[in-house]
Protein backbone atom coordinates (compact mmCIF):
# COMPACT_ATOMS: atom_id res chain seq x y z
CA MET A 1 14.27 -20.65 -13.12
CA ILE A 2 12.22 -17.85 -11.52
CA LYS A 3 14.30 -14.86 -10.50
CA LEU A 4 13.45 -11.64 -8.66
CA TYR A 5 15.22 -8.39 -9.41
CA TRP A 6 14.70 -4.95 -7.82
CA ASN A 7 15.37 -2.19 -10.32
CA THR A 8 14.04 0.76 -8.29
CA THR A 9 16.87 3.18 -9.04
CA SER A 10 14.97 6.25 -10.23
CA HIS A 11 14.93 9.79 -8.83
CA ASP A 12 12.98 12.99 -9.38
CA PRO A 13 14.99 15.13 -11.86
CA ILE A 14 13.54 18.34 -10.37
CA SER A 15 13.74 17.77 -6.62
CA GLY A 16 16.43 15.11 -6.77
CA PHE A 17 14.33 12.92 -4.42
CA GLN A 18 15.38 9.27 -4.65
CA TRP A 19 12.00 7.72 -5.36
CA GLY A 20 13.50 4.39 -6.34
CA LYS A 21 15.36 4.14 -3.06
CA TYR A 22 12.26 5.25 -1.16
CA HIS A 23 10.11 2.50 -2.70
CA ALA A 24 12.77 -0.16 -2.19
CA ASN A 25 13.26 0.76 1.47
CA ASN A 26 9.58 1.06 2.30
CA SER A 27 8.04 -1.74 0.23
CA ASN A 28 10.52 -4.61 0.50
CA ALA A 29 8.88 -6.29 3.52
CA TRP A 30 5.44 -6.15 1.90
CA ILE A 31 6.66 -7.44 -1.48
CA ASN A 32 8.57 -10.27 0.22
CA LEU A 33 5.37 -11.30 1.98
CA VAL A 34 3.39 -11.22 -1.28
CA LEU A 35 6.00 -13.44 -2.97
CA GLU A 36 6.44 -15.78 -0.01
CA LYS A 37 4.99 -18.82 -1.80
CA ILE A 38 7.04 -18.31 -4.99
CA ASN A 39 10.10 -20.55 -5.33
CA LYS A 40 12.53 -17.93 -6.62
CA GLN A 41 16.09 -16.69 -6.58
CA ASN A 42 16.79 -13.10 -5.57
CA ILE A 43 19.43 -11.60 -7.84
CA GLN A 44 21.50 -8.45 -7.40
CA SER A 45 22.76 -8.03 -10.96
CA LEU A 46 21.39 -8.42 -14.48
CA ASP A 47 24.45 -10.57 -15.20
CA GLU A 48 22.71 -13.31 -13.21
CA ILE A 49 19.89 -13.55 -15.74
CA LYS A 50 20.20 -16.47 -18.16
CA LYS A 51 18.37 -17.08 -21.42
CA ASP A 52 14.81 -18.31 -20.91
CA ASP A 53 14.72 -17.38 -17.23
CA ILE A 54 11.40 -16.24 -15.78
CA LEU A 55 11.95 -12.79 -14.31
CA ILE A 56 9.86 -10.86 -11.79
CA ILE A 57 11.08 -7.29 -11.78
CA VAL A 58 10.12 -4.75 -9.11
CA ASP A 59 10.36 -1.20 -10.44
CA CYS A 60 9.00 2.35 -10.51
CA ASP A 61 8.90 5.09 -13.17
CA VAL A 62 8.57 2.28 -15.70
CA ASP A 63 7.47 4.54 -18.58
CA LYS A 64 11.04 5.88 -18.70
CA LYS A 65 12.66 2.46 -19.06
CA ILE A 66 11.01 0.92 -22.11
CA GLU A 67 14.28 0.23 -23.96
CA PHE A 68 15.63 -1.58 -20.91
CA TYR A 69 12.57 -3.84 -20.79
CA LYS A 70 12.78 -4.57 -24.51
CA LYS A 71 16.18 -6.16 -23.92
CA LEU A 72 14.86 -8.23 -21.03
CA ARG A 73 11.87 -9.33 -23.14
CA ILE A 74 14.23 -10.89 -25.69
CA LEU A 75 16.24 -12.67 -23.02
CA CYS A 76 13.52 -13.97 -20.67
CA SER A 77 10.89 -16.59 -21.45
CA LYS A 78 8.42 -14.73 -19.22
CA LEU A 79 8.61 -11.22 -17.84
CA TYR A 80 6.51 -10.01 -14.92
CA LEU A 81 6.34 -6.55 -13.38
CA ILE A 82 5.50 -5.29 -9.90
CA ASN A 83 5.00 -1.58 -10.56
CA LEU A 84 5.53 0.50 -7.43
CA GLY A 85 4.51 4.15 -7.13
CA ASP A 86 2.71 5.93 -9.99
CA GLU A 87 0.04 7.40 -7.72
CA SER A 88 -1.06 9.80 -10.45
CA GLY A 89 -1.73 6.93 -12.89
CA GLN A 90 0.37 7.99 -15.89
CA ARG A 91 -1.22 6.69 -19.11
CA SER A 92 2.24 6.45 -20.66
CA VAL A 93 2.95 3.27 -18.67
CA ILE A 94 0.41 1.32 -20.74
CA LYS A 95 2.80 1.14 -23.71
CA THR A 96 5.47 -0.25 -21.39
CA TYR A 97 3.05 -2.83 -20.01
CA ASP A 98 2.75 -4.37 -23.48
CA LEU A 99 6.20 -5.90 -22.94
CA PHE A 100 5.17 -7.88 -19.86
CA ASP A 101 3.24 -11.12 -19.45
CA HIS A 102 1.51 -9.75 -16.36
CA ILE A 103 1.63 -6.64 -14.17
CA TRP A 104 0.77 -6.06 -10.53
CA ARG A 105 0.25 -2.48 -9.38
CA SER A 106 -1.35 -0.28 -6.73
CA TYR A 107 -3.20 3.01 -7.33
CA ILE A 108 -5.60 1.57 -9.89
CA ASN A 109 -7.34 4.04 -12.22
CA ASN A 110 -10.15 3.50 -14.71
CA HIS A 111 -7.76 3.06 -17.64
CA HIS A 112 -6.14 0.09 -15.86
CA LYS A 113 -9.36 -1.80 -15.13
CA ASN A 114 -10.00 -2.97 -18.70
CA ILE A 115 -6.55 -4.51 -19.16
CA ASN A 116 -6.79 -8.19 -18.23
CA LYS A 117 -3.11 -8.65 -17.48
CA ILE A 118 -3.09 -5.96 -14.77
CA THR A 119 -3.85 -7.19 -11.25
CA PHE A 120 -4.39 -4.90 -8.31
CA LEU A 121 -1.76 -5.21 -5.57
CA PRO A 122 -2.29 -3.12 -2.42
CA ALA A 123 0.40 -0.54 -1.67
CA GLY A 124 0.93 -2.42 1.58
CA TYR A 125 2.53 -1.31 4.81
CA LYS A 126 5.92 0.33 5.26
CA SER A 127 8.93 -1.83 6.07
CA GLY A 128 10.00 -1.43 9.67
CA ILE A 129 6.47 -1.57 11.08
CA GLU A 130 6.75 -4.06 13.92
CA LYS A 131 3.78 -6.38 14.07
CA ASN A 132 2.83 -5.86 17.70
CA ILE A 133 -0.94 -6.24 17.97
CA ASN A 134 -1.85 -4.97 21.42
CA ASP A 135 -4.92 -6.14 23.30
CA LEU A 136 -7.88 -3.80 23.68
CA GLU A 137 -6.91 -2.63 27.15
CA LYS A 138 -3.38 -1.73 26.03
CA ARG A 139 -4.57 0.67 23.35
CA ASN A 140 -4.19 4.12 24.87
CA TYR A 141 -5.48 6.19 21.95
CA LYS A 142 -9.02 6.29 20.65
CA TRP A 143 -7.83 7.49 17.23
CA ALA A 144 -4.61 8.69 15.64
CA PHE A 145 -3.47 10.71 12.63
CA ILE A 146 0.18 10.83 11.62
CA GLY A 147 1.00 12.80 8.48
CA THR A 148 0.34 15.96 6.51
CA ALA A 149 -2.98 17.82 6.37
CA HIS A 150 -2.35 18.84 2.76
CA LYS A 151 -5.98 18.81 1.60
CA ALA A 152 -9.28 20.19 2.82
CA SER A 153 -10.50 16.67 3.61
CA ARG A 154 -7.64 16.11 6.04
CA GLN A 155 -8.21 19.46 7.68
CA ASP A 156 -11.89 18.57 8.04
CA LEU A 157 -10.87 15.26 9.61
CA LEU A 158 -8.69 16.97 12.22
CA TYR A 159 -11.40 19.55 12.94
CA HIS A 160 -14.04 16.91 13.76
CA PHE A 161 -11.80 14.30 15.37
CA SER A 162 -10.13 16.84 17.65
CA LYS A 163 -13.45 16.91 19.52
CA ILE A 164 -13.01 13.23 20.44
CA LYS A 165 -11.06 12.75 23.66
CA GLY A 166 -8.08 10.41 23.69
CA GLY A 167 -6.73 11.12 20.20
CA TYR A 168 -3.14 11.37 18.99
CA VAL A 169 -1.90 13.73 16.27
CA HIS A 170 1.60 14.05 14.83
CA GLN A 171 1.34 16.54 11.99
CA THR A 172 4.05 17.38 9.47
CA LYS A 173 4.19 20.25 6.98
CA LYS A 174 5.13 18.21 3.91
CA PHE A 175 6.06 14.75 2.62
CA GLY A 176 9.50 13.74 3.88
CA ASP A 177 9.46 16.44 6.56
CA GLU A 178 12.32 16.27 9.07
CA LYS A 179 9.66 15.78 11.74
CA SER A 180 8.30 12.68 10.01
CA MET A 181 8.22 9.58 12.20
CA ASP A 182 10.17 6.53 11.17
CA ALA A 183 8.22 3.31 10.66
CA SER A 184 9.14 1.85 14.04
CA GLU A 185 7.94 4.92 15.98
CA MET A 186 4.78 5.11 13.91
CA GLY A 187 4.07 1.42 14.46
CA LYS A 188 4.17 1.85 18.23
CA ILE A 189 1.53 4.58 18.05
CA ILE A 190 -0.70 2.70 15.62
CA SER A 191 -0.58 -0.50 17.67
CA SER A 192 -1.72 1.56 20.69
CA THR A 193 -4.75 2.98 18.83
CA HIS A 194 -8.30 1.76 18.21
CA PHE A 195 -9.34 3.71 15.09
CA ILE A 196 -7.17 4.99 12.23
CA PRO A 197 -8.83 7.51 9.90
CA CYS A 198 -7.43 6.96 6.39
CA PRO A 199 -8.01 10.07 4.27
CA ASN A 200 -7.24 10.02 0.56
CA GLY A 201 -3.66 10.52 -0.57
CA PHE A 202 -2.41 13.57 -2.45
CA TYR A 203 -2.99 12.12 -5.94
CA HIS A 204 -5.02 9.01 -5.25
CA PRO A 205 -7.35 7.57 -2.59
CA GLU A 206 -4.94 4.75 -1.72
CA THR A 207 -2.25 5.21 0.97
CA TYR A 208 0.05 3.08 3.12
CA ARG A 209 -1.97 4.19 6.15
CA LEU A 210 -4.87 1.80 5.53
CA TYR A 211 -2.67 -1.30 5.33
CA GLU A 212 -0.58 -0.27 8.34
CA ALA A 213 -3.78 0.05 10.35
CA LEU A 214 -4.91 -3.42 9.26
CA GLU A 215 -1.50 -4.99 9.86
CA LEU A 216 -1.42 -3.65 13.42
CA GLY A 217 -4.94 -4.64 14.36
CA CYS A 218 -6.69 -1.27 14.14
CA ILE A 219 -10.06 -0.35 12.71
CA PRO A 220 -9.63 1.80 9.57
CA ILE A 221 -12.09 4.48 8.53
CA VAL A 222 -11.83 5.36 4.83
CA GLU A 223 -13.42 7.97 2.57
CA SER A 224 -16.02 6.84 0.07
CA THR A 225 -14.52 8.90 -2.79
CA TYR A 226 -15.19 7.17 -6.15
CA GLU A 227 -16.10 4.08 -4.06
CA TYR A 228 -12.48 3.10 -4.64
CA TYR A 229 -12.06 0.59 -1.83
CA LYS A 230 -15.48 -0.90 -2.48
CA SER A 231 -14.40 -1.68 -6.05
CA ILE A 232 -10.97 -3.15 -5.32
CA LEU A 233 -11.18 -4.58 -1.79
CA LEU A 234 -14.36 -6.54 -2.17
CA ASN A 235 -16.37 -7.27 0.98
CA HIS A 236 -13.99 -5.37 3.23
CA PRO A 237 -15.35 -4.85 6.76
CA PHE A 238 -13.95 -1.44 7.71
CA PHE A 239 -15.95 1.77 8.02
CA THR A 240 -16.52 4.03 5.00
CA VAL A 241 -17.70 7.63 5.35
CA GLU A 242 -18.73 10.42 2.98
CA LYS A 243 -17.69 13.10 5.45
CA TRP A 244 -15.49 13.04 8.53
CA ALA A 245 -18.30 14.23 10.80
CA ASP A 246 -19.76 10.75 10.20
CA GLY A 247 -16.43 9.20 11.25
CA LYS A 248 -16.57 11.13 14.51
CA LYS A 249 -20.08 9.80 15.13
CA ILE A 250 -18.98 6.21 14.45
CA ILE A 251 -16.19 6.40 17.02
CA GLU A 252 -18.42 8.01 19.64
CA GLU A 253 -21.07 5.32 19.22
CA CYS A 254 -18.68 2.35 19.49
CA ASP A 255 -18.39 0.80 22.95
CA ASP A 256 -15.72 -1.77 23.85
CA THR A 257 -17.82 -4.69 22.57
CA LYS A 258 -18.43 -3.07 19.18
CA ILE A 259 -14.74 -2.13 18.92
CA LEU A 260 -13.65 -5.68 19.70
CA ASN A 261 -16.09 -7.24 17.20
CA LYS A 262 -15.17 -4.84 14.39
CA ARG A 263 -11.48 -5.26 15.10
CA GLU A 264 -11.76 -9.06 14.93
CA SER A 265 -13.65 -8.92 11.63
CA CYS A 266 -10.95 -6.62 10.18
CA LYS A 267 -8.16 -8.92 11.41
CA LYS A 268 -9.84 -12.00 9.93
CA TRP A 269 -10.54 -10.30 6.61
CA TRP A 270 -6.98 -8.94 6.29
CA LYS A 271 -5.40 -12.32 7.08
CA GLU A 272 -7.55 -14.07 4.46
CA TYR A 273 -7.01 -11.31 1.92
CA LYS A 274 -3.20 -11.54 2.21
CA GLU A 275 -3.40 -15.30 1.74
CA LYS A 276 -5.55 -14.79 -1.36
CA ILE A 277 -3.00 -12.34 -2.83
CA GLN A 278 -0.25 -14.92 -2.38
CA GLN A 279 -2.28 -17.72 -3.93
CA ASP A 280 -3.44 -15.61 -6.88
CA PHE A 281 0.13 -14.48 -7.57
CA LEU A 282 1.34 -18.08 -7.53
CA LYS A 283 -1.47 -19.17 -9.86
CA ILE A 284 -0.55 -16.55 -12.47
CA ILE A 285 3.17 -17.35 -12.30
CA GLU A 286 2.48 -21.08 -12.72
CA GLN A 287 0.26 -20.65 -15.81
C-alpha cells in the first residue's frame, strides 16, 4: 500500500517562524498535482503505517530528523522523500538522503546533481493561486513585480522596468511582511499581467514566482545566473537575460502578436512539463 504523510512540523529556533507550516500551507496544491496519478492513501498519523507499506513523506529540515527516518526505514518496504525548502542547499541533508529509495527536491545545487536518486522537482506555485488565465485584452498590466527588493539585482530590475508604462509594483520590506499579498490577491494581479520578471531568490535562483507566472499564463523573464534554468528546465521557451536592461528592451519590442505567440509557447511547454513530472514520478514509484 502506498501512503502519503506530511511531516512538515519544523520551525526556526531563532525567529520562531513556522517553516513547516509555511511549506505545508503553500505547497500542498502543487504537491497534490504532482502526485495526481499515484494511487495512494493520505494518512494523518504514523499509527496508520503498517509493516512493508510504501511511504511517500513530504518534509523540510530533514537533516534534523535522521533518527526519525531510521525508524521509518525499518518499518517501510520503500521510503520516498519530497524535500521542501532548503534553498541554501545544506550539504548535511546528503547523509539523511541515504535512508531513502528516492528523493525529489527543488533548489538543486551542484552537490545534488551527481546523486542518481535525487530528481529535480520545481518549487511550484503557492496554494490559493486561482487558475484564471485571462485573454490578452483583459491583461491590464504590461509587467508586474510583487515582493521584496532585497538584492541589487531586484533594485536594478525596478529601476529599468519603472521606465516601462503600464507596470504594477507591490513592494514589501521583508519576507512575511504584514503588507505581503495573500495568494488569491497576488493571483488576480498576475493573471492580469503580460510579463513577470523573475529575479533570483535570496539564497538560490529558483522562486515560486516563475511557476506562478507559468500557471497563470504569463511570460516569465528569468536571470541567466549559473544558467540554472537552462540546466534543469530543458528547452524552456521563456526569456532569459543577463541584465534587466535587456528585459526592458524585450518588453518594449514585443507587440501583441509576439506576446500572444510567446505566451502560447509557454502555456504549451508548461502543460507538457507538468504531465512529464507526473509520469516520471509514477515510473519511479512503480519500479
